[in-house]
Amino acid sequence: MNGKKGQPGAKGVGSWNWTRNKRFIDDALASGRPIRLVTDPTKPLYSKDNVYQRELKYLQDKGYGWRKMDGYWEVVRIRP
């Protein structure tokens, strides 16, 4: 599917697509800075296969998990 002005994969609000979102996550992980989740990753607050669930699965597949902090969850490496 083509989005605005023929950009492949561009769709949704602000031309969101998974490729762009995945790159954002990869860049955040590579930066070494803390990554915080403000929505409880252990509670299925949204319908199955939504964007947040996809982000969590992607993090897990890359060897990351999260730990509860003071009002948020910090993304941490749990396996190499």
PDB file of N, CA and C in Angstrom:
ATOM      1  N   MET A   1       0.840  -1.182   0.000  1.00  0.00           N
ATOM      2  CA  MET A   1       0.000   0.000   0.000  1.00  0.00           C
ATOM      3  C   MET A   1       0.881   1.239   0.000  1.00  0.00           C
ATOM      4  N   ASN A   2       0.569   2.168  -0.833  1.00  0.00           N
ATOM      5  CA  ASN A   2       1.307   3.424  -0.880  1.00  0.00           C
ATOM      6  C   ASN A   2       0.575   4.493  -0.101  1.00  0.00           C
ATOM      7  N   GLY A   3       1.347   5.329   0.569  1.00  0.00           N
ATOM      8  CA  GLY A   3       0.788   6.431   1.347  1.00  0.00           C
ATOM      9  C   GLY A   3       0.822   7.707   0.543  1.00  0.00           C
ATOM     10  N   LYS A   4       0.947   8.802   1.235  1.00  0.00           N
ATOM     11  CA  LYS A   4       0.987  10.107   0.590  1.00  0.00           C
ATOM     12  C   LYS A   4       2.174  10.213  -0.351  1.00  0.00           C
ATOM     13  N   LYS A   5       1.940  10.804  -1.486  1.00  0.00           N
ATOM     14  CA  LYS A   5       2.971  11.098  -2.473  1.00  0.00           C
ATOM     15  C   LYS A   5       3.791   9.867  -2.834  1.00  0.00           C
ATOM     16  N   GLY A   6       3.143   8.685  -2.849  1.00  0.00           N
ATOM     17  CA  GLY A   6       3.806   7.483  -3.315  1.00  0.00           C
ATOM     18  C   GLY A   6       4.835   6.879  -2.381  1.00  0.00           C
ATOM     19  N   GLN A   7       4.821   7.254  -1.114  1.00  0.00           N
ATOM     20  CA  GLN A   7       5.775   6.674  -0.173  1.00  0.00           C
ATOM     21  C   GLN A   7       5.304   5.277   0.212  1.00  0.00           C
ATOM     22  N   PRO A   8       6.058   4.236  -0.162  1.00  0.00           N
ATOM     23  CA  PRO A   8       5.621   2.885   0.170  1.00  0.00           C
ATOM     24  C   PRO A   8       5.593   2.653   1.675  1.00  0.00           C
ATOM     25  N   GLY A   9       4.552   1.979   2.127  1.00  0.00           N
ATOM     26  CA  GLY A   9       4.432   1.643   3.538  1.00  0.00           C
ATOM     27  C   GLY A   9       3.923   2.754   4.421  1.00  0.00           C
ATOM     28  N   ALA A  10       3.755   3.941   3.897  1.00  0.00           N
ATOM     29  CA  ALA A  10       3.295   5.061   4.708  1.00  0.00           C
ATOM     30  C   ALA A  10       1.782   4.997   4.836  1.00  0.00           C
ATOM     31  N   LYS A  11       1.323   4.896   6.050  1.00  0.00           N
ATOM     32  CA  LYS A  11      -0.111   4.878   6.283  1.00  0.00           C
ATOM     33  C   LYS A  11      -0.380   5.276   7.727  1.00  0.00           C
ATOM     34  N   GLY A  12      -1.606   5.572   8.017  1.00  0.00           N
ATOM     35  CA  GLY A  12      -1.980   5.918   9.384  1.00  0.00           C
ATOM     36  C   GLY A  12      -1.636   7.354   9.731  1.00  0.00           C
ATOM     37  N   VAL A  13      -1.860   7.680  10.983  1.00  0.00           N
ATOM     38  CA  VAL A  13      -1.617   9.038  11.466  1.00  0.00           C
ATOM     39  C   VAL A  13      -0.129   9.337  11.383  1.00  0.00           C
ATOM     40  N   GLY A  14       0.231  10.448  10.779  1.00  0.00           N
ATOM     41  CA  GLY A  14       1.625  10.844  10.658  1.00  0.00           C
ATOM     42  C   GLY A  14       2.453   9.885   9.827  1.00  0.00           C
ATOM     43  N   SER A  15       1.815   9.165   8.921  1.00  0.00           N
ATOM     44  CA  SER A  15       2.492   8.212   8.042  1.00  0.00           C
ATOM     45  C   SER A  15       3.294   7.181   8.833  1.00  0.00           C
ATOM     46  N   TRP A  16       2.722   6.684   9.922  1.00  0.00           N
ATOM     47  CA  TRP A  16       3.368   5.654  10.738  1.00  0.00           C
ATOM     48  C   TRP A  16       3.473   4.373   9.939  1.00  0.00           C
ATOM     49  N   ASN A  17       4.585   3.668  10.137  1.00  0.00           N
ATOM     50  CA  ASN A  17       4.688   2.296   9.653  1.00  0.00           C
ATOM     51  C   ASN A  17       5.654   1.543  10.553  1.00  0.00           C
ATOM     52  N   TRP A  18       5.598   0.220  10.521  1.00  0.00           N
ATOM     53  CA  TRP A  18       6.402  -0.589  11.421  1.00  0.00           C
ATOM     54  C   TRP A  18       7.897  -0.409  11.161  1.00  0.00           C
ATOM     55  N   THR A  19       8.308  -0.252   9.911  1.00  0.00           N
ATOM     56  CA  THR A  19       9.722  -0.065   9.598  1.00  0.00           C
ATOM     57  C   THR A  19      10.272   1.158  10.322  1.00  0.00           C
ATOM     58  N   ARG A  20       9.539   2.233  10.290  1.00  0.00           N
ATOM     59  CA  ARG A  20       9.962   3.467  10.953  1.00  0.00           C
ATOM     60  C   ARG A  20       9.990   3.274  12.468  1.00  0.00           C
ATOM     61  N   ASN A  21       8.986   2.615  13.002  1.00  0.00           N
ATOM     62  CA  ASN A  21       8.907   2.403  14.439  1.00  0.00           C
ATOM     63  C   ASN A  21      10.038   1.492  14.916  1.00  0.00           C
ATOM     64  N   LYS A  22      10.313   0.426  14.174  1.00  0.00           N
ATOM     65  CA  LYS A  22      11.389  -0.504  14.510  1.00  0.00           C
ATOM     66  C   LYS A  22      12.738   0.222  14.512  1.00  0.00           C
ATOM     67  N   ARG A  23      12.960   1.077  13.537  1.00  0.00           N
ATOM     68  CA  ARG A  23      14.206   1.850  13.472  1.00  0.00           C
ATOM     69  C   ARG A  23      14.336   2.758  14.701  1.00  0.00           C
ATOM     70  N   PHE A  24      13.221   3.358  15.119  1.00  0.00           N
ATOM     71  CA  PHE A  24      13.229   4.211  16.306  1.00  0.00           C
ATOM     72  C   PHE A  24      13.648   3.397  17.537  1.00  0.00           C
ATOM     73  N   ILE A  25      13.086   2.185  17.693  1.00  0.00           N
ATOM     74  CA  ILE A  25      13.431   1.326  18.825  1.00  0.00           C
ATOM     75  C   ILE A  25      14.901   0.925  18.751  1.00  0.00           C
ATOM     76  N   ASP A  26      15.364   0.521  17.576  1.00  0.00           N
ATOM     77  CA  ASP A  26      16.763   0.125  17.412  1.00  0.00           C
ATOM     78  C   ASP A  26      17.710   1.272  17.755  1.00  0.00           C
ATOM     79  N   ASP A  27      17.384   2.468  17.302  1.00  0.00           N
ATOM     80  CA  ASP A  27      18.216   3.641  17.608  1.00  0.00           C
ATOM     81  C   ASP A  27      18.225   3.924  19.108  1.00  0.00           C
ATOM     82  N   ALA A  28      17.074   3.785  19.748  1.00  0.00           N
ATOM     83  CA  ALA A  28      16.985   4.017  21.196  1.00  0.00           C
ATOM     84  C   ALA A  28      17.834   2.994  21.949  1.00  0.00           C
ATOM     85  N   LEU A  29      17.784   1.726  21.539  1.00  0.00           N
ATOM     86  CA  LEU A  29      18.589   0.691  22.185  1.00  0.00           C
ATOM     87  C   LEU A  29      20.081   0.944  21.978  1.00  0.00           C
ATOM     88  N   ALA A  30      20.460   1.326  20.782  1.00  0.00           N
ATOM     89  CA  ALA A  30      21.867   1.562  20.456  1.00  0.00           C
ATOM     90  C   ALA A  30      22.434   2.777  21.187  1.00  0.00           C
ATOM     91  N   SER A  31      21.586   3.714  21.570  1.00  0.00           N
ATOM     92  CA  SER A  31      22.059   4.934  22.223  1.00  0.00           C
ATOM     93  C   SER A  31      22.628   4.660  23.618  1.00  0.00           C
ATOM     94  N   GLY A  32      22.177   3.550  24.241  1.00  0.00           N
ATOM     95  CA  GLY A  32      22.640   3.244  25.586  1.00  0.00           C
ATOM     96  C   GLY A  32      21.929   4.018  26.685  1.00  0.00           C
ATOM     97  N   ARG A  33      21.063   4.919  26.295  1.00  0.00           N
ATOM     98  CA  ARG A  33      20.300   5.679  27.296  1.00  0.00           C
ATOM     99  C   ARG A  33      19.154   4.829  27.812  1.00  0.00           C
ATOM    100  N   PRO A  34      18.696   5.086  29.040  1.00  0.00           N
ATOM    101  CA  PRO A  34      17.568   4.318  29.579  1.00  0.00           C
ATOM    102  C   PRO A  34      16.316   4.485  28.731  1.00  0.00           C
ATOM    103  N   ILE A  35      15.583   3.390  28.588  1.00  0.00           N
ATOM    104  CA  ILE A  35      14.311   3.415  27.871  1.00  0.00           C
ATOM    105  C   ILE A  35      13.232   3.112  28.886  1.00  0.00           C
ATOM    106  N   ARG A  36      12.242   3.967  28.961  1.00  0.00           N
ATOM    107  CA  ARG A  36      11.170   3.824  29.943  1.00  0.00           C
ATOM    108  C   ARG A  36       9.846   3.509  29.265  1.00  0.00           C
ATOM    109  N   LEU A  37       9.123   2.597  29.864  1.00  0.00           N
ATOM    110  CA  LEU A  37       7.757   2.294  29.441  1.00  0.00           C
ATOM    111  C   LEU A  37       6.834   2.893  30.490  1.00  0.00           C
ATOM    112  N   VAL A  38       5.859   3.669  30.064  1.00  0.00           N
ATOM    113  CA  VAL A  38       4.937   4.265  31.030  1.00  0.00           C
ATOM    114  C   VAL A  38       3.632   3.481  31.139  1.00  0.00           C
ATOM    115  N   THR A  39       3.413   2.563  30.222  1.00  0.00           N
ATOM    116  CA  THR A  39       2.237   1.693  30.261  1.00  0.00           C
ATOM    117  C   THR A  39       2.689   0.320  30.739  1.00  0.00           C
ATOM    118  N   ASP A  40       2.001  -0.223  31.720  1.00  0.00           N
ATOM    119  CA  ASP A  40       2.361  -1.511  32.309  1.00  0.00           C
ATOM    120  C   ASP A  40       2.433  -2.590  31.232  1.00  0.00           C
ATOM    121  N   PRO A  41       3.625  -3.133  30.973  1.00  0.00           N
ATOM    122  CA  PRO A  41       3.761  -4.148  29.924  1.00  0.00           C
ATOM    123  C   PRO A  41       3.205  -5.513  30.323  1.00  0.00           C
ATOM    124  N   THR A  42       2.860  -5.691  31.586  1.00  0.00           N
ATOM    125  CA  THR A  42       2.356  -6.994  32.044  1.00  0.00           C
ATOM    126  C   THR A  42       0.841  -7.095  31.989  1.00  0.00           C
ATOM    127  N   LYS A  43       0.172  -5.999  31.670  1.00  0.00           N
ATOM    128  CA  LYS A  43      -1.290  -6.014  31.603  1.00  0.00           C
ATOM    129  C   LYS A  43      -1.753  -5.789  30.171  1.00  0.00           C
ATOM    130  N   PRO A  44      -2.548  -6.694  29.659  1.00  0.00           N
ATOM    131  CA  PRO A  44      -3.050  -6.525  28.280  1.00  0.00           C
ATOM    132  C   PRO A  44      -4.168  -5.480  28.225  1.00  0.00           C
ATOM    133  N   LEU A  45      -3.765  -4.223  28.170  1.00  0.00           N
ATOM    134  CA  LEU A  45      -4.735  -3.131  28.186  1.00  0.00           C
ATOM    135  C   LEU A  45      -5.391  -2.897  26.833  1.00  0.00           C
ATOM    136  N   TYR A  46      -4.781  -3.409  25.806  1.00  0.00           N
ATOM    137  CA  TYR A  46      -5.264  -3.171  24.454  1.00  0.00           C
ATOM    138  C   TYR A  46      -5.585  -4.499  23.788  1.00  0.00           C
ATOM    139  N   SER A  47      -6.212  -4.426  22.655  1.00  0.00           N
ATOM    140  CA  SER A  47      -6.535  -5.651  21.926  1.00  0.00           C
ATOM    141  C   SER A  47      -5.256  -6.332  21.426  1.00  0.00           C
ATOM    142  N   LYS A  48      -5.362  -7.618  21.195  1.00  0.00           N
ATOM    143  CA  LYS A  48      -4.220  -8.405  20.743  1.00  0.00           C
ATOM    144  C   LYS A  48      -3.659  -7.851  19.427  1.00  0.00           C
ATOM    145  N   ASP A  49      -2.349  -7.972  19.292  1.00  0.00           N
ATOM    146  CA  ASP A  49      -1.646  -7.566  18.072  1.00  0.00           C
ATOM    147  C   ASP A  49      -1.702  -6.068  17.795  1.00  0.00           C
ATOM    148  N   ASN A  50      -1.770  -5.263  18.843  1.00  0.00           N
ATOM    149  CA  ASN A  50      -1.714  -3.823  18.639  1.00  0.00           C
ATOM    150  C   ASN A  50      -0.250  -3.378  18.579  1.00  0.00           C
ATOM    151  N   VAL A  51      -0.019  -2.121  18.324  1.00  0.00           N
ATOM    152  CA  VAL A  51       1.333  -1.600  18.148  1.00  0.00           C
ATOM    153  C   VAL A  51       2.162  -1.783  19.422  1.00  0.00           C
ATOM    154  N   TYR A  52       1.595  -1.495  20.588  1.00  0.00           N
ATOM    155  CA  TYR A  52       2.349  -1.620  21.835  1.00  0.00           C
ATOM    156  C   TYR A  52       2.777  -3.066  22.062  1.00  0.00           C
ATOM    157  N   GLN A  53       1.865  -4.005  21.842  1.00  0.00           N
ATOM    158  CA  GLN A  53       2.205  -5.414  22.003  1.00  0.00           C
ATOM    159  C   GLN A  53       3.299  -5.825  21.008  1.00  0.00           C
ATOM    160  N   ARG A  54       3.251  -5.283  19.816  1.00  0.00           N
ATOM    161  CA  ARG A  54       4.272  -5.589  18.810  1.00  0.00           C
ATOM    162  C   ARG A  54       5.635  -5.048  19.249  1.00  0.00           C
ATOM    163  N   GLU A  55       5.655  -3.846  19.824  1.00  0.00           N
ATOM    164  CA  GLU A  55       6.895  -3.263  20.323  1.00  0.00           C
ATOM    165  C   GLU A  55       7.480  -4.129  21.448  1.00  0.00           C
ATOM    166  N   LEU A  56       6.625  -4.579  22.371  1.00  0.00           N
ATOM    167  CA  LEU A  56       7.080  -5.408  23.483  1.00  0.00           C
ATOM    168  C   LEU A  56       7.660  -6.726  22.975  1.00  0.00           C
ATOM    169  N   LYS A  57       6.977  -7.352  22.023  1.00  0.00           N
ATOM    170  CA  LYS A  57       7.470  -8.605  21.463  1.00  0.00           C
ATOM    171  C   LYS A  57       8.809  -8.395  20.762  1.00  0.00           C
ATOM    172  N   TYR A  58       8.946  -7.297  20.050  1.00  0.00           N
ATOM    173  CA  TYR A  58      10.202  -6.997  19.362  1.00  0.00           C
ATOM    174  C   TYR A  58      11.338  -6.856  20.379  1.00  0.00           C
ATOM    175  N   LEU A  59      11.085  -6.150  21.466  1.00  0.00           N
ATOM    176  CA  LEU A  59      12.093  -6.004  22.519  1.00  0.00           C
ATOM    177  C   LEU A  59      12.468  -7.368  23.104  1.00  0.00           C
ATOM    178  N   GLN A  60      11.466  -8.188  23.388  1.00  0.00           N
ATOM    179  CA  GLN A  60      11.724  -9.519  23.942  1.00  0.00           C
ATOM    180  C   GLN A  60      12.525 -10.380  22.968  1.00  0.00           C
ATOM    181  N   ASP A  61      12.186 -10.335  21.702  1.00  0.00           N
ATOM    182  CA  ASP A  61      12.902 -11.109  20.693  1.00  0.00           C
ATOM    183  C   ASP A  61      14.364 -10.686  20.577  1.00  0.00           C
ATOM    184  N   LYS A  62      14.659  -9.424  20.922  1.00  0.00           N
ATOM    185  CA  LYS A  62      16.033  -8.924  20.876  1.00  0.00           C
ATOM    186  C   LYS A  62      16.766  -9.147  22.201  1.00  0.00           C
ATOM    187  N   GLY A  63      16.116  -9.832  23.164  1.00  0.00           N
ATOM    188  CA  GLY A  63      16.784 -10.157  24.418  1.00  0.00           C
ATOM    189  C   GLY A  63      16.541  -9.171  25.546  1.00  0.00           C
ATOM    190  N   TYR A  64      15.505  -8.354  25.414  1.00  0.00           N
ATOM    191  CA  TYR A  64      15.206  -7.358  26.439  1.00  0.00           C
ATOM    192  C   TYR A  64      13.949  -7.727  27.212  1.00  0.00           C
ATOM    193  N   GLY A  65      13.863  -7.196  28.392  1.00  0.00           N
ATOM    194  CA  GLY A  65      12.683  -7.311  29.240  1.00  0.00           C
ATOM    195  C   GLY A  65      12.516  -5.982  29.950  1.00  0.00           C
ATOM    196  N   TRP A  66      11.852  -5.967  31.084  1.00  0.00           N
ATOM    197  CA  TRP A  66      11.631  -4.723  31.807  1.00  0.00           C
ATOM    198  C   TRP A  66      11.552  -5.013  33.290  1.00  0.00           C
ATOM    199  N   ARG A  67      11.870  -3.996  34.047  1.00  0.00           N
ATOM    200  CA  ARG A  67      11.744  -4.101  35.498  1.00  0.00           C
ATOM    201  C   ARG A  67      10.984  -2.894  36.009  1.00  0.00           C
ATOM    202  N   LYS A  68      10.185  -3.146  37.026  1.00  0.00           N
ATOM    203  CA  LYS A  68       9.348  -2.092  37.616  1.00  0.00           C
ATOM    204  C   LYS A  68      10.232  -1.121  38.366  1.00  0.00           C
ATOM    205  N   MET A  69      10.033   0.133  38.098  1.00  0.00           N
ATOM    206  CA  MET A  69      10.733   1.204  38.798  1.00  0.00           C
ATOM    207  C   MET A  69       9.673   2.038  39.517  1.00  0.00           C
ATOM    208  N   ASP A  70       9.985   3.240  39.821  1.00  0.00           N
ATOM    209  CA  ASP A  70       9.069   4.132  40.519  1.00  0.00           C
ATOM    210  C   ASP A  70       8.105   4.791  39.531  1.00  0.00           C
ATOM    211  N   GLY A  71       6.998   4.142  39.239  1.00  0.00           N
ATOM    212  CA  GLY A  71       6.000   4.723  38.349  1.00  0.00           C
ATOM    213  C   GLY A  71       6.216   4.440  36.871  1.00  0.00           C
ATOM    214  N   TYR A  72       7.190   3.616  36.528  1.00  0.00           N
ATOM    215  CA  TYR A  72       7.433   3.246  35.138  1.00  0.00           C
ATOM    216  C   TYR A  72       8.168   1.915  35.102  1.00  0.00           C
ATOM    217  N   TRP A  73       8.407   1.389  33.911  1.00  0.00           N
ATOM    218  CA  TRP A  73       9.159   0.154  33.717  1.00  0.00           C
ATOM    219  C   TRP A  73      10.362   0.487  32.860  1.00  0.00           C
ATOM    220  N   GLU A  74      11.536   0.049  33.302  1.00  0.00           N
ATOM    221  CA  GLU A  74      12.760   0.298  32.559  1.00  0.00           C
ATOM    222  C   GLU A  74      13.100  -0.926  31.712  1.00  0.00           C
ATOM    223  N   VAL A  75      13.427  -0.681  30.451  1.00  0.00           N
ATOM    224  CA  VAL A  75      13.821  -1.768  29.546  1.00  0.00           C
ATOM    225  C   VAL A  75      15.242  -2.174  29.900  1.00  0.00           C
ATOM    226  N   VAL A  76      15.453  -3.486  30.112  1.00  0.00           N
ATOM    227  CA  VAL A  76      16.774  -4.007  30.481  1.00  0.00           C
ATOM    228  C   VAL A  76      17.082  -5.249  29.651  1.00  0.00           C
ATOM    229  N   ARG A  77      18.363  -5.478  29.411  1.00  0.00           N
ATOM    230  CA  ARG A  77      18.773  -6.690  28.692  1.00  0.00           C
ATOM    231  C   ARG A  77      18.676  -7.865  29.657  1.00  0.00           C
ATOM    232  N   ILE A  78      18.010  -8.942  29.209  1.00  0.00           N
ATOM    233  CA  ILE A  78      17.875 -10.106  30.063  1.00  0.00           C
ATOM    234  C   ILE A  78      18.609 -11.323  29.505  1.00  0.00           C
ATOM    235  N   ARG A  79      19.034 -11.243  28.257  1.00  0.00           N
ATOM    236  CA  ARG A  79      19.853 -12.302  27.670  1.00  0.00           C
ATOM    237  C   ARG A  79      20.663 -11.707  26.524  1.00  0.00           C
ATOM    238  N   PRO A  80      21.814 -12.346  26.234  1.00  0.00           N
ATOM    239  CA  PRO A  80      22.687 -11.823  25.155  1.00  0.00           C
ATOM    240  C   PRO A  80      22.065 -11.940  23.784  1.00  0.00           C
TER     241      PRO A  80
END
